[in-house]
C-alpha atoms as a PDB file:
ATOM      1  CA  UNK A   1      24.931  55.732 182.316  1.00  0.00           C
ATOM      2  CA  UNK A   2      27.904  55.868 184.437  1.00  0.00           C
ATOM      3  CA  UNK A   3      28.582  59.615 184.636  1.00  0.00           C
ATOM      4  CA  UNK A   4      28.286  60.381 188.301  1.00  0.00           C
ATOM      5  CA  UNK A   5      25.802  63.023 189.431  1.00  0.00           C
ATOM      6  CA  UNK A   6      26.370  63.745 192.995  1.00  0.00           C
ATOM      7  CA  UNK A   7      23.604  65.039 195.329  1.00  0.00           C
ATOM      8  CA  UNK A   8      23.671  68.708 195.787  1.00  0.00           C
ATOM      9  CA  UNK A   9      24.300  69.911 199.446  1.00  0.00           C
ATOM     10  CA  UNK A  10      21.123  70.696 201.356  1.00  0.00           C
ATOM     11  CA  UNK A  11      22.882  73.120 203.690  1.00  0.00           C
ATOM     12  CA  UNK A  12      26.102  74.900 202.628  1.00  0.00           C
ATOM     13  CA  UNK A  13      27.427  78.264 201.876  1.00  0.00           C
ATOM     14  CA  UNK A  14      26.427  80.195 198.653  1.00  0.00           C
ATOM     15  CA  UNK A  15      29.665  79.265 196.800  1.00  0.00           C
ATOM     16  CA  UNK A  16      29.539  75.502 197.538  1.00  0.00           C
ATOM     17  CA  UNK A  17      25.864  75.304 196.829  1.00  0.00           C
ATOM     18  CA  UNK A  18      26.202  77.177 193.353  1.00  0.00           C
ATOM     19  CA  UNK A  19      29.246  75.142 192.212  1.00  0.00           C
ATOM     20  CA  UNK A  20      27.435  71.928 193.205  1.00  0.00           C
ATOM     21  CA  UNK A  21      24.363  72.865 191.159  1.00  0.00           C
ATOM     22  CA  UNK A  22      26.688  73.672 188.177  1.00  0.00           C
ATOM     23  CA  UNK A  23      28.445  70.342 188.573  1.00  0.00           C
ATOM     24  CA  UNK A  24      25.178  68.560 188.698  1.00  0.00           C
ATOM     25  CA  UNK A  25      23.944  70.174 185.537  1.00  0.00           C
ATOM     26  CA  UNK A  26      27.323  69.399 183.708  1.00  0.00           C
ATOM     27  CA  UNK A  27      27.060  65.881 184.715  1.00  0.00           C
ATOM     28  CA  UNK A  28      23.529  65.641 183.485  1.00  0.00           C
ATOM     29  CA  UNK A  29      24.492  66.909 179.970  1.00  0.00           C
ATOM     30  CA  UNK A  30      27.594  64.600 179.839  1.00  0.00           C
ATOM     31  CA  UNK A  31      25.408  61.554 180.857  1.00  0.00           C
ATOM     32  CA  UNK A  32      22.963  62.176 178.025  1.00  0.00           C
ATOM     33  CA  UNK A  33      25.792  62.060 175.527  1.00  0.00           C
ATOM     34  CA  UNK A  34      27.467  59.083 177.230  1.00  0.00           C
ATOM     35  CA  UNK A  35      28.155  55.907 175.088  1.00  0.00           C
ATOM     36  CA  UNK A  36      27.146  57.393 171.870  1.00  0.00           C
ATOM     37  CA  UNK A  37      29.248  57.118 168.655  1.00  0.00           C
ATOM     38  CA  UNK A  38      29.916  59.909 165.985  1.00  0.00           C
ATOM     39  CA  UNK A  39      26.698  59.125 164.017  1.00  0.00           C
ATOM     40  CA  UNK A  40      24.523  59.294 167.116  1.00  0.00           C
ATOM     41  CA  UNK A  41      26.157  62.532 168.378  1.00  0.00           C
ATOM     42  CA  UNK A  42      25.488  64.015 164.931  1.00  0.00           C
ATOM     43  CA  UNK A  43      21.873  63.017 164.819  1.00  0.00           C
ATOM     44  CA  UNK A  44      19.328  65.908 164.898  1.00  0.00           C
ATOM     45  CA  UNK A  45      15.694  65.793 165.869  1.00  0.00           C
ATOM     46  CA  UNK A  46      13.988  67.803 163.043  1.00  0.00           C
ATOM     47  CA  UNK A  47      12.883  70.366 162.560  1.00  0.00           C
ATOM     48  CA  UNK A  48      15.887  71.401 164.766  1.00  0.00           C
ATOM     49  CA  UNK A  49      19.391  70.998 163.404  1.00  0.00           C
ATOM     50  CA  UNK A  50      20.669  70.735 167.083  1.00  0.00           C
ATOM     51  CA  UNK A  51      22.747  67.590 167.961  1.00  0.00           C
ATOM     52  CA  UNK A  52      24.209  66.198 171.156  1.00  0.00           C
ATOM     53  CA  UNK A  53      27.696  66.664 169.574  1.00  0.00           C
ATOM     54  CA  UNK A  54      27.002  70.251 168.840  1.00  0.00           C
ATOM     55  CA  UNK A  55      25.630  70.708 172.388  1.00  0.00           C
ATOM     56  CA  UNK A  56      28.840  69.357 173.872  1.00  0.00           C
ATOM     57  CA  UNK A  57      31.067  71.711 171.643  1.00  0.00           C
ATOM     58  CA  UNK A  58      28.763  74.593 172.272  1.00  0.00           C
ATOM     59  CA  UNK A  59      29.076  74.181 176.104  1.00  0.00           C
ATOM     60  CA  UNK A  60      32.790  73.855 175.845  1.00  0.00           C
ATOM     61  CA  UNK A  61      32.733  77.185 174.084  1.00  0.00           C
ATOM     62  CA  UNK A  62      30.380  78.746 176.647  1.00  0.00           C
ATOM     63  CA  UNK A  63      32.610  77.628 179.556  1.00  0.00           C
ATOM     64  CA  UNK A  64      35.709  79.162 177.710  1.00  0.00           C
ATOM     65  CA  UNK A  65      33.971  82.354 176.687  1.00  0.00           C
ATOM     66  CA  UNK A  66      32.527  83.267 180.096  1.00  0.00           C
ATOM     67  CA  UNK A  67      35.442  82.400 182.293  1.00  0.00           C
ATOM     68  CA  UNK A  68      38.526  83.105 180.048  1.00  0.00           C
ATOM     69  CA  UNK A  69      37.438  85.735 177.585  1.00  0.00           C
ATOM     70  CA  UNK A  70      34.785  87.720 179.543  1.00  0.00           C
ATOM     71  CA  UNK A  71      35.757  87.187 183.067  1.00  0.00           C
ATOM     72  CA  UNK A  72      39.482  87.218 182.884  1.00  0.00           C
ATOM     73  CA  UNK A  73      39.684  89.325 179.735  1.00  0.00           C
ATOM     74  CA  UNK A  74      42.085  86.950 178.113  1.00  0.00           C
ATOM     75  CA  UNK A  75      42.236  86.251 174.354  1.00  0.00           C
ATOM     76  CA  UNK A  76      40.527  83.107 173.069  1.00  0.00           C
ATOM     77  CA  UNK A  77      42.344  79.851 172.599  1.00  0.00           C
ATOM     78  CA  UNK A  78      42.041  77.172 170.001  1.00  0.00           C
ATOM     79  CA  UNK A  79      39.827  75.904 168.668  1.00  0.00           C
ATOM     80  CA  UNK A  80      37.970  79.100 169.213  1.00  0.00           C
ATOM     81  CA  UNK A  81      40.523  81.775 168.418  1.00  0.00           C
ATOM     82  CA  UNK A  82      40.745  81.212 164.721  1.00  0.00           C
ATOM     83  CA  UNK A  83      37.016  80.738 164.008  1.00  0.00           C
ATOM     84  CA  UNK A  84      35.381  83.250 161.699  1.00  0.00           C
ATOM     85  CA  UNK A  85      32.290  83.750 163.841  1.00  0.00           C
ATOM     86  CA  UNK A  86      30.908  86.330 161.446  1.00  0.00           C
ATOM     87  CA  UNK A  87      30.842  83.625 158.722  1.00  0.00           C
ATOM     88  CA  UNK A  88      29.068  81.149 160.978  1.00  0.00           C
ATOM     89  CA  UNK A  89      27.844  82.325 164.323  1.00  0.00           C
ATOM     90  CA  UNK A  90      26.973  78.810 165.258  1.00  0.00           C
ATOM     91  CA  UNK A  91      30.321  77.191 164.274  1.00  0.00           C
ATOM     92  CA  UNK A  92      30.558  75.372 167.552  1.00  0.00           C
ATOM     93  CA  UNK A  93      27.148  73.681 166.888  1.00  0.00           C
ATOM     94  CA  UNK A  94      27.827  73.030 163.104  1.00  0.00           C
ATOM     95  CA  UNK A  95      31.429  71.884 163.237  1.00  0.00           C
ATOM     96  CA  UNK A  96      30.870  69.217 165.952  1.00  0.00           C
ATOM     97  CA  UNK A  97      29.726  66.650 163.324  1.00  0.00           C
ATOM     98  CA  UNK A  98      33.342  66.588 162.030  1.00  0.00           C
ATOM     99  CA  UNK A  99      34.784  65.813 165.482  1.00  0.00           C
ATOM    100  CA  UNK A 100      35.584  62.530 167.053  1.00  0.00           C
ATOM    101  CA  UNK A 101      33.339  61.767 170.118  1.00  0.00           C
ATOM    102  CA  UNK A 102      36.310  61.251 172.346  1.00  0.00           C
ATOM    103  CA  UNK A 103      37.686  64.659 171.205  1.00  0.00           C
ATOM    104  CA  UNK A 104      34.347  66.409 171.912  1.00  0.00           C
ATOM    105  CA  UNK A 105      34.181  64.935 175.359  1.00  0.00           C
ATOM    106  CA  UNK A 106      37.763  65.855 175.975  1.00  0.00           C
ATOM    107  CA  UNK A 107      37.237  69.435 174.837  1.00  0.00           C
ATOM    108  CA  UNK A 108      34.246  69.888 177.108  1.00  0.00           C
ATOM    109  CA  UNK A 109      36.217  68.296 179.937  1.00  0.00           C
ATOM    110  CA  UNK A 110      39.284  70.528 179.480  1.00  0.00           C
ATOM    111  CA  UNK A 111      36.946  73.584 179.237  1.00  0.00           C
ATOM    112  CA  UNK A 112      35.186  72.611 182.479  1.00  0.00           C
ATOM    113  CA  UNK A 113      38.612  72.094 184.235  1.00  0.00           C
ATOM    114  CA  UNK A 114      39.834  75.498 183.094  1.00  0.00           C
ATOM    115  CA  UNK A 115      36.614  77.117 184.135  1.00  0.00           C
ATOM    116  CA  UNK A 116      36.735  75.473 187.634  1.00  0.00           C
ATOM    117  CA  UNK A 117      40.127  77.016 188.242  1.00  0.00           C
ATOM    118  CA  UNK A 118      38.635  80.482 187.633  1.00  0.00           C
ATOM    119  CA  UNK A 119      35.313  79.766 189.448  1.00  0.00           C
ATOM    120  CA  UNK A 120      36.981  78.557 192.591  1.00  0.00           C
ATOM    121  CA  UNK A 121      39.803  81.093 192.776  1.00  0.00           C
ATOM    122  CA  UNK A 122      37.883  84.203 193.506  1.00  0.00           C
ATOM    123  CA  UNK A 123      35.102  85.686 195.439  1.00  0.00           C
ATOM    124  CA  UNK A 124      31.583  85.752 193.902  1.00  0.00           C
ATOM    125  CA  UNK A 125      31.795  89.580 194.258  1.00  0.00           C
ATOM    126  CA  UNK A 126      34.817  89.789 192.013  1.00  0.00           C
ATOM    127  CA  UNK A 127      34.131  91.691 188.724  1.00  0.00           C
ATOM    128  CA  UNK A 128      34.868  90.764 185.203  1.00  0.00           C
ATOM    129  CA  UNK A 129      37.343  92.454 182.970  1.00  0.00           C
ATOM    130  CA  UNK A 130      34.996  92.202 179.985  1.00  0.00           C
ATOM    131  CA  UNK A 131      31.882  94.313 179.839  1.00  0.00           C
ATOM    132  CA  UNK A 132      28.260  93.604 179.008  1.00  0.00           C
ATOM    133  CA  UNK A 133      26.552  95.265 175.986  1.00  0.00           C
ATOM    134  CA  UNK A 134      25.591  98.081 178.320  1.00  0.00           C
ATOM    135  CA  UNK A 135      29.155  98.669 179.595  1.00  0.00           C
ATOM    136  CA  UNK A 136      28.696  96.832 183.039  1.00  0.00           C
ATOM    137  CA  UNK A 137      31.034  94.305 184.520  1.00  0.00           C
ATOM    138  CA  UNK A 138      29.772  90.796 185.408  1.00  0.00           C
ATOM    139  CA  UNK A 139      30.185  89.479 188.917  1.00  0.00           C
ATOM    140  CA  UNK A 140      31.705  86.042 189.260  1.00  0.00           C
ATOM    141  CA  UNK A 141      28.376  85.091 190.970  1.00  0.00           C
ATOM    142  CA  UNK A 142      26.544  86.143 187.736  1.00  0.00           C
ATOM    143  CA  UNK A 143      28.884  84.101 185.606  1.00  0.00           C
ATOM    144  CA  UNK A 144      28.341  80.963 187.717  1.00  0.00           C
ATOM    145  CA  UNK A 145      24.543  81.424 187.684  1.00  0.00           C
ATOM    146  CA  UNK A 146      24.619  81.997 183.903  1.00  0.00           C
ATOM    147  CA  UNK A 147      26.495  78.794 183.461  1.00  0.00           C
ATOM    148  CA  UNK A 148      23.989  76.956 185.527  1.00  0.00           C
ATOM    149  CA  UNK A 149      21.210  78.534 183.470  1.00  0.00           C
ATOM    150  CA  UNK A 150      22.936  77.535 180.265  1.00  0.00           C
ATOM    151  CA  UNK A 151      23.571  73.938 181.255  1.00  0.00           C
ATOM    152  CA  UNK A 152      19.956  73.608 182.713  1.00  0.00           C
ATOM    153  CA  UNK A 153      18.431  74.954 179.556  1.00  0.00           C
ATOM    154  CA  UNK A 154      20.551  72.538 177.355  1.00  0.00           C
ATOM    155  CA  UNK A 155      19.980  69.538 179.641  1.00  0.00           C
ATOM    156  CA  UNK A 156      16.326  69.686 178.504  1.00  0.00           C
ATOM    157  CA  UNK A 157      17.473  69.757 174.859  1.00  0.00           C
ATOM    158  CA  UNK A 158      19.829  66.812 175.616  1.00  0.00           C
ATOM    159  CA  UNK A 159      16.875  64.772 177.152  1.00  0.00           C
ATOM    160  CA  UNK A 160      14.940  65.123 173.855  1.00  0.00           C
ATOM    161  CA  UNK A 161      17.898  64.519 171.601  1.00  0.00           C
ATOM    162  CA  UNK A 162      18.916  61.399 173.457  1.00  0.00           C
ATOM    163  CA  UNK A 163      15.395  59.993 173.401  1.00  0.00           C
ATOM    164  CA  UNK A 164      15.351  60.588 169.561  1.00  0.00           C
ATOM    165  CA  UNK A 165      18.677  58.869 169.122  1.00  0.00           C
ATOM    166  CA  UNK A 166      18.028  55.643 170.965  1.00  0.00           C
ATOM    167  CA  UNK A 167      14.940  55.986 173.087  1.00  0.00           C
ATOM    168  CA  UNK A 168      16.770  56.526 176.281  1.00  0.00           C
ATOM    169  CA  UNK A 169      14.821  58.470 178.838  1.00  0.00           C
ATOM    170  CA  UNK A 170      15.197  59.370 182.492  1.00  0.00           C
ATOM    171  CA  UNK A 171      18.005  60.744 184.493  1.00  0.00           C
END
């Protein structure tokens, strides 16, 4: 796999450390999907319907949702804005089978790039426009840590899915 995963700094400030951990987890997931064609990205590991393609699209949505819609309070952009989420709350997962592998990777790459602008522009103490279910704002720190949590959780799924697709294991 050629997706670079850079070592995380051992001694740095909170922001640098957190963003490096996020980048490491992002690279891990991208590496697990590297080199796979559409059929491989659409392959599930029963009994789960989860796929690596769905995982890429889901994480693209997660990046968009938390940084653009929740943190900045801006309206959703395509491909998310016109989705009838009430008809299929897992549309991001399910629709990925119809997407070209390069388009899935580009979608995640664009979502990461847009998120990075938001994540690096403010203070970790800045508060979101969007509110939680309990009416509280999210700090930028919370959003970054949640993204790390989301990627780390799904990196484990990606390990299992990739092994099921072609037997690849390891980093």
